[in-house]
């Protein structure tokens, strides 16, 4: 889910950076061309276009968890999210973490 954004109203979005940069390869006569670095004779040039955020029409179950956790692996907080056509329809605390630590959903 690092690449996605879930809006407060439960709609799933994803950034799209298509067309933001142009890939340019340097020829031998270019001042930035380096004959010793054949795999790095290119650059990404900004096109002036901005990225867009596009709605994702995914229908699937997804499990999410925090990127870091200092506890035991079997206590790792995990949620199951159910998406239908890109809209969050249901979620469940699989590990019981909220109940175990008496936490409320805000």
N, C-alpha and C. Protein backbone atom coordinates (compact mmCIF):
# COMPACT_ATOMS: atom_id res chain seq x y z
N UNK A 1 0.82 -1.19 0.00
CA UNK A 1 0.00 0.00 0.00
C UNK A 1 0.86 1.26 0.00
N UNK A 2 2.20 1.12 -0.01
CA UNK A 2 3.06 2.29 -0.05
C UNK A 2 2.82 3.14 -1.29
N UNK A 3 2.40 2.54 -2.37
CA UNK A 3 2.21 3.26 -3.63
C UNK A 3 0.80 3.82 -3.78
N UNK A 4 -0.06 3.59 -2.81
CA UNK A 4 -1.45 3.99 -2.92
C UNK A 4 -1.82 5.00 -1.85
N UNK A 5 -2.93 5.67 -2.07
CA UNK A 5 -3.48 6.57 -1.06
C UNK A 5 -4.94 6.23 -0.88
N UNK A 6 -5.34 6.01 0.36
CA UNK A 6 -6.74 5.73 0.69
C UNK A 6 -7.33 7.01 1.26
N UNK A 7 -8.25 7.61 0.52
CA UNK A 7 -8.84 8.88 0.94
C UNK A 7 -9.75 8.65 2.15
N UNK A 8 -10.05 9.72 2.89
CA UNK A 8 -10.91 9.58 4.07
C UNK A 8 -12.30 9.00 3.75
N UNK A 9 -12.76 9.17 2.51
CA UNK A 9 -14.07 8.60 2.15
C UNK A 9 -13.97 7.17 1.64
N UNK A 10 -12.76 6.54 1.74
CA UNK A 10 -12.60 5.13 1.42
C UNK A 10 -12.32 4.81 -0.03
N UNK A 11 -11.91 5.79 -0.83
CA UNK A 11 -11.61 5.57 -2.24
C UNK A 11 -10.10 5.39 -2.40
N UNK A 12 -9.71 4.41 -3.22
CA UNK A 12 -8.30 4.08 -3.41
C UNK A 12 -7.74 4.83 -4.62
N UNK A 13 -6.59 5.50 -4.43
CA UNK A 13 -5.95 6.31 -5.47
C UNK A 13 -4.48 5.91 -5.59
N UNK A 14 -3.89 6.20 -6.75
CA UNK A 14 -2.47 5.93 -6.97
C UNK A 14 -1.87 7.03 -7.83
N UNK A 15 -0.67 7.55 -7.44
CA UNK A 15 -0.01 8.56 -8.28
C UNK A 15 0.45 7.97 -9.60
N UNK A 16 0.36 8.78 -10.66
CA UNK A 16 0.81 8.38 -11.99
C UNK A 16 1.75 9.47 -12.51
N UNK A 17 3.01 9.11 -12.71
CA UNK A 17 4.03 10.07 -13.14
C UNK A 17 4.37 9.92 -14.62
N UNK A 18 3.49 9.33 -15.40
CA UNK A 18 3.71 9.15 -16.83
C UNK A 18 3.86 10.51 -17.50
N UNK A 19 4.92 10.69 -18.30
CA UNK A 19 5.12 11.92 -19.05
C UNK A 19 5.74 13.06 -18.27
N UNK A 20 6.13 12.82 -17.02
CA UNK A 20 6.74 13.87 -16.20
C UNK A 20 8.19 14.12 -16.62
N UNK A 21 8.89 13.07 -17.05
CA UNK A 21 10.28 13.17 -17.48
C UNK A 21 10.45 12.54 -18.86
N UNK A 22 11.48 12.99 -19.53
CA UNK A 22 11.84 12.42 -20.83
C UNK A 22 13.22 11.78 -20.69
N UNK A 23 13.36 10.57 -21.18
CA UNK A 23 14.63 9.86 -21.12
C UNK A 23 15.49 10.26 -22.33
N UNK A 24 16.69 10.80 -22.05
CA UNK A 24 17.59 11.27 -23.10
C UNK A 24 18.91 10.51 -22.97
N UNK A 25 19.36 9.90 -24.07
CA UNK A 25 20.64 9.20 -24.10
C UNK A 25 21.70 10.12 -24.69
N UNK A 26 22.88 10.15 -24.04
CA UNK A 26 23.98 10.98 -24.53
C UNK A 26 24.77 10.26 -25.60
N UNK A 27 24.99 10.95 -26.71
CA UNK A 27 25.82 10.42 -27.79
C UNK A 27 27.29 10.73 -27.47
N UNK A 28 28.19 10.15 -28.23
CA UNK A 28 29.62 10.31 -27.97
C UNK A 28 30.08 11.76 -28.06
N UNK A 29 29.42 12.61 -28.84
CA UNK A 29 29.85 14.00 -28.98
C UNK A 29 29.23 14.92 -27.93
N UNK A 30 28.40 14.39 -27.01
CA UNK A 30 27.77 15.20 -25.97
C UNK A 30 28.77 15.46 -24.85
N UNK A 31 28.75 16.67 -24.24
CA UNK A 31 29.72 16.98 -23.17
C UNK A 31 29.58 16.09 -21.93
N UNK A 32 28.37 15.54 -21.67
CA UNK A 32 28.18 14.66 -20.51
C UNK A 32 28.49 13.20 -20.80
N UNK A 33 28.82 12.88 -22.02
CA UNK A 33 29.11 11.49 -22.38
C UNK A 33 30.40 11.04 -21.70
N UNK A 34 30.34 9.86 -21.08
CA UNK A 34 31.52 9.29 -20.40
C UNK A 34 31.77 7.90 -20.98
N UNK A 35 32.86 7.73 -21.73
CA UNK A 35 33.13 6.42 -22.34
C UNK A 35 33.43 5.33 -21.31
N UNK A 36 33.78 5.72 -20.10
CA UNK A 36 34.06 4.75 -19.03
C UNK A 36 32.78 4.27 -18.34
N UNK A 37 31.71 4.98 -18.52
CA UNK A 37 30.45 4.65 -17.84
C UNK A 37 29.35 4.46 -18.87
N UNK A 38 29.43 3.38 -19.62
CA UNK A 38 28.49 3.16 -20.71
C UNK A 38 27.04 3.01 -20.23
N UNK A 39 26.84 2.53 -19.01
CA UNK A 39 25.48 2.31 -18.53
C UNK A 39 24.88 3.54 -17.87
N UNK A 40 25.61 4.63 -17.81
CA UNK A 40 25.04 5.84 -17.18
C UNK A 40 25.08 7.04 -18.12
N UNK A 41 25.12 6.83 -19.41
CA UNK A 41 25.11 7.93 -20.38
C UNK A 41 23.68 8.28 -20.78
N UNK A 42 22.91 8.64 -19.79
CA UNK A 42 21.52 9.06 -20.02
C UNK A 42 21.12 10.00 -18.91
N UNK A 43 20.00 10.66 -19.08
CA UNK A 43 19.48 11.54 -18.05
C UNK A 43 17.97 11.62 -18.19
N UNK A 44 17.32 11.97 -17.10
CA UNK A 44 15.88 12.22 -17.11
C UNK A 44 15.68 13.73 -17.11
N UNK A 45 15.04 14.25 -18.14
CA UNK A 45 14.82 15.68 -18.28
C UNK A 45 13.35 15.98 -17.98
N UNK A 46 13.08 16.89 -17.03
CA UNK A 46 11.69 17.24 -16.75
C UNK A 46 10.99 17.81 -17.98
N UNK A 47 9.75 17.42 -18.19
CA UNK A 47 8.98 17.89 -19.34
C UNK A 47 8.11 19.10 -19.01
N UNK A 48 7.99 19.42 -17.73
CA UNK A 48 7.09 20.50 -17.33
C UNK A 48 5.71 20.01 -16.97
N UNK A 49 5.42 18.73 -17.25
CA UNK A 49 4.13 18.15 -16.90
C UNK A 49 4.14 17.72 -15.44
N UNK A 50 3.01 17.76 -14.82
CA UNK A 50 2.87 17.29 -13.45
C UNK A 50 2.26 15.90 -13.45
N UNK A 51 2.52 15.15 -12.38
CA UNK A 51 1.90 13.85 -12.24
C UNK A 51 0.42 13.99 -11.92
N UNK A 52 -0.29 12.90 -12.01
CA UNK A 52 -1.72 12.87 -11.73
C UNK A 52 -1.99 11.81 -10.68
N UNK A 53 -3.10 11.92 -10.04
CA UNK A 53 -3.56 10.90 -9.11
C UNK A 53 -4.76 10.25 -9.76
N UNK A 54 -4.68 8.94 -9.95
CA UNK A 54 -5.75 8.21 -10.64
C UNK A 54 -6.45 7.24 -9.69
N UNK A 55 -7.75 7.18 -9.83
CA UNK A 55 -8.53 6.25 -9.02
C UNK A 55 -8.23 4.83 -9.47
N UNK A 56 -8.12 3.93 -8.51
CA UNK A 56 -7.84 2.52 -8.79
C UNK A 56 -9.12 1.72 -8.60
N UNK A 57 -9.48 0.95 -9.60
CA UNK A 57 -10.72 0.16 -9.56
C UNK A 57 -10.36 -1.30 -9.25
N UNK A 58 -9.87 -1.51 -8.03
CA UNK A 58 -9.41 -2.83 -7.60
C UNK A 58 -10.50 -3.48 -6.76
N UNK A 59 -10.75 -4.74 -7.03
CA UNK A 59 -11.66 -5.54 -6.21
C UNK A 59 -10.84 -6.70 -5.66
N UNK A 60 -10.48 -6.60 -4.39
CA UNK A 60 -9.59 -7.60 -3.79
C UNK A 60 -9.52 -7.42 -2.29
N UNK A 61 -9.01 -8.46 -1.63
CA UNK A 61 -8.68 -8.35 -0.21
C UNK A 61 -7.20 -8.05 -0.10
N UNK A 62 -6.85 -7.13 0.80
CA UNK A 62 -5.47 -6.72 1.00
C UNK A 62 -5.16 -6.78 2.48
N UNK A 63 -3.98 -7.25 2.82
CA UNK A 63 -3.52 -7.20 4.21
C UNK A 63 -2.47 -6.11 4.33
N UNK A 64 -2.63 -5.27 5.34
CA UNK A 64 -1.66 -4.20 5.57
C UNK A 64 -1.13 -4.31 7.00
N UNK A 65 0.08 -3.81 7.19
CA UNK A 65 0.73 -3.84 8.48
C UNK A 65 1.73 -2.70 8.52
N UNK A 66 2.16 -2.27 9.71
CA UNK A 66 3.10 -1.15 9.80
C UNK A 66 4.47 -1.55 9.23
N UNK A 67 5.22 -0.59 8.69
CA UNK A 67 6.52 -0.90 8.09
C UNK A 67 7.58 -1.30 9.12
N UNK A 68 7.44 -0.85 10.33
CA UNK A 68 8.39 -1.23 11.38
C UNK A 68 7.60 -1.71 12.59
N UNK A 69 8.21 -2.61 13.32
CA UNK A 69 7.55 -3.16 14.51
C UNK A 69 8.62 -3.68 15.44
N UNK A 70 8.55 -3.31 16.70
CA UNK A 70 9.59 -3.73 17.65
C UNK A 70 9.16 -4.93 18.49
N UNK A 71 7.93 -5.39 18.33
CA UNK A 71 7.46 -6.54 19.10
C UNK A 71 7.75 -7.85 18.41
N UNK A 72 7.12 -8.89 18.90
CA UNK A 72 7.25 -10.21 18.31
C UNK A 72 6.53 -10.27 16.98
N UNK A 73 7.01 -11.13 16.08
CA UNK A 73 6.42 -11.19 14.74
C UNK A 73 4.96 -11.65 14.78
N UNK A 74 4.61 -12.52 15.73
CA UNK A 74 3.23 -13.01 15.79
C UNK A 74 2.27 -11.98 16.41
N UNK A 75 2.81 -10.88 16.96
CA UNK A 75 1.99 -9.79 17.48
C UNK A 75 1.90 -8.62 16.50
N UNK A 76 2.53 -8.77 15.32
CA UNK A 76 2.56 -7.69 14.34
C UNK A 76 1.14 -7.29 13.98
N UNK A 77 0.75 -6.02 14.18
CA UNK A 77 -0.61 -5.59 13.86
C UNK A 77 -0.90 -5.75 12.36
N UNK A 78 -1.99 -6.43 12.05
CA UNK A 78 -2.34 -6.67 10.64
C UNK A 78 -3.83 -6.40 10.45
N UNK A 79 -4.14 -5.66 9.40
CA UNK A 79 -5.53 -5.41 9.03
C UNK A 79 -5.82 -6.06 7.69
N UNK A 80 -7.04 -6.54 7.54
CA UNK A 80 -7.52 -7.04 6.25
C UNK A 80 -8.49 -6.00 5.72
N UNK A 81 -8.22 -5.53 4.50
CA UNK A 81 -9.09 -4.55 3.85
C UNK A 81 -9.78 -5.21 2.68
N UNK A 82 -11.05 -4.94 2.51
CA UNK A 82 -11.81 -5.47 1.38
C UNK A 82 -12.20 -4.30 0.47
N UNK A 83 -11.69 -4.34 -0.78
CA UNK A 83 -12.01 -3.32 -1.77
C UNK A 83 -12.92 -3.90 -2.83
N UNK A 84 -13.93 -3.14 -3.20
CA UNK A 84 -14.80 -3.47 -4.33
C UNK A 84 -14.82 -2.27 -5.26
N UNK A 85 -14.28 -2.48 -6.45
CA UNK A 85 -14.19 -1.42 -7.45
C UNK A 85 -13.47 -0.18 -6.90
N UNK A 86 -12.43 -0.40 -6.10
CA UNK A 86 -11.62 0.70 -5.58
C UNK A 86 -12.20 1.42 -4.38
N UNK A 87 -13.25 0.87 -3.79
CA UNK A 87 -13.87 1.49 -2.62
C UNK A 87 -13.77 0.53 -1.45
N UNK A 88 -13.30 1.04 -0.31
CA UNK A 88 -13.17 0.23 0.89
C UNK A 88 -14.56 -0.14 1.40
N UNK A 89 -14.86 -1.44 1.39
CA UNK A 89 -16.17 -1.91 1.83
C UNK A 89 -16.16 -2.46 3.25
N UNK A 90 -15.01 -3.02 3.66
CA UNK A 90 -14.95 -3.63 4.98
C UNK A 90 -13.50 -3.73 5.41
N UNK A 91 -13.26 -3.80 6.69
CA UNK A 91 -11.92 -4.03 7.21
C UNK A 91 -12.03 -4.83 8.50
N UNK A 92 -10.95 -5.53 8.83
CA UNK A 92 -10.94 -6.37 10.03
C UNK A 92 -9.55 -6.36 10.63
N UNK A 93 -9.48 -6.24 11.95
CA UNK A 93 -8.21 -6.34 12.68
C UNK A 93 -7.93 -7.82 12.87
N UNK A 94 -7.11 -8.40 12.01
CA UNK A 94 -6.85 -9.84 12.01
C UNK A 94 -6.16 -10.31 13.27
N UNK A 95 -5.20 -9.55 13.74
CA UNK A 95 -4.39 -9.97 14.88
C UNK A 95 -5.05 -9.69 16.23
N UNK A 96 -6.14 -8.94 16.23
CA UNK A 96 -6.77 -8.59 17.50
C UNK A 96 -5.96 -7.59 18.29
N UNK A 97 -5.06 -6.88 17.61
CA UNK A 97 -4.15 -5.94 18.26
C UNK A 97 -4.92 -4.85 19.01
N UNK A 98 -5.97 -4.30 18.35
CA UNK A 98 -6.73 -3.22 19.00
C UNK A 98 -7.38 -3.71 20.28
N UNK A 99 -7.96 -4.89 20.24
CA UNK A 99 -8.63 -5.45 21.41
C UNK A 99 -7.61 -5.78 22.51
N UNK A 100 -6.50 -6.37 22.09
CA UNK A 100 -5.46 -6.79 23.04
C UNK A 100 -4.92 -5.60 23.84
N UNK A 101 -4.74 -4.45 23.15
CA UNK A 101 -4.19 -3.26 23.80
C UNK A 101 -5.22 -2.19 24.08
N UNK A 102 -6.52 -2.55 23.95
CA UNK A 102 -7.63 -1.68 24.28
C UNK A 102 -7.54 -0.34 23.54
N UNK A 103 -7.35 -0.40 22.22
CA UNK A 103 -7.24 0.80 21.40
C UNK A 103 -8.55 1.07 20.67
N UNK A 104 -8.86 2.34 20.46
CA UNK A 104 -10.07 2.72 19.73
C UNK A 104 -9.71 3.21 18.35
N UNK A 105 -10.61 3.04 17.40
CA UNK A 105 -10.44 3.58 16.06
C UNK A 105 -10.91 5.01 16.07
N UNK A 106 -10.09 5.90 15.58
CA UNK A 106 -10.44 7.33 15.57
C UNK A 106 -11.04 7.69 14.25
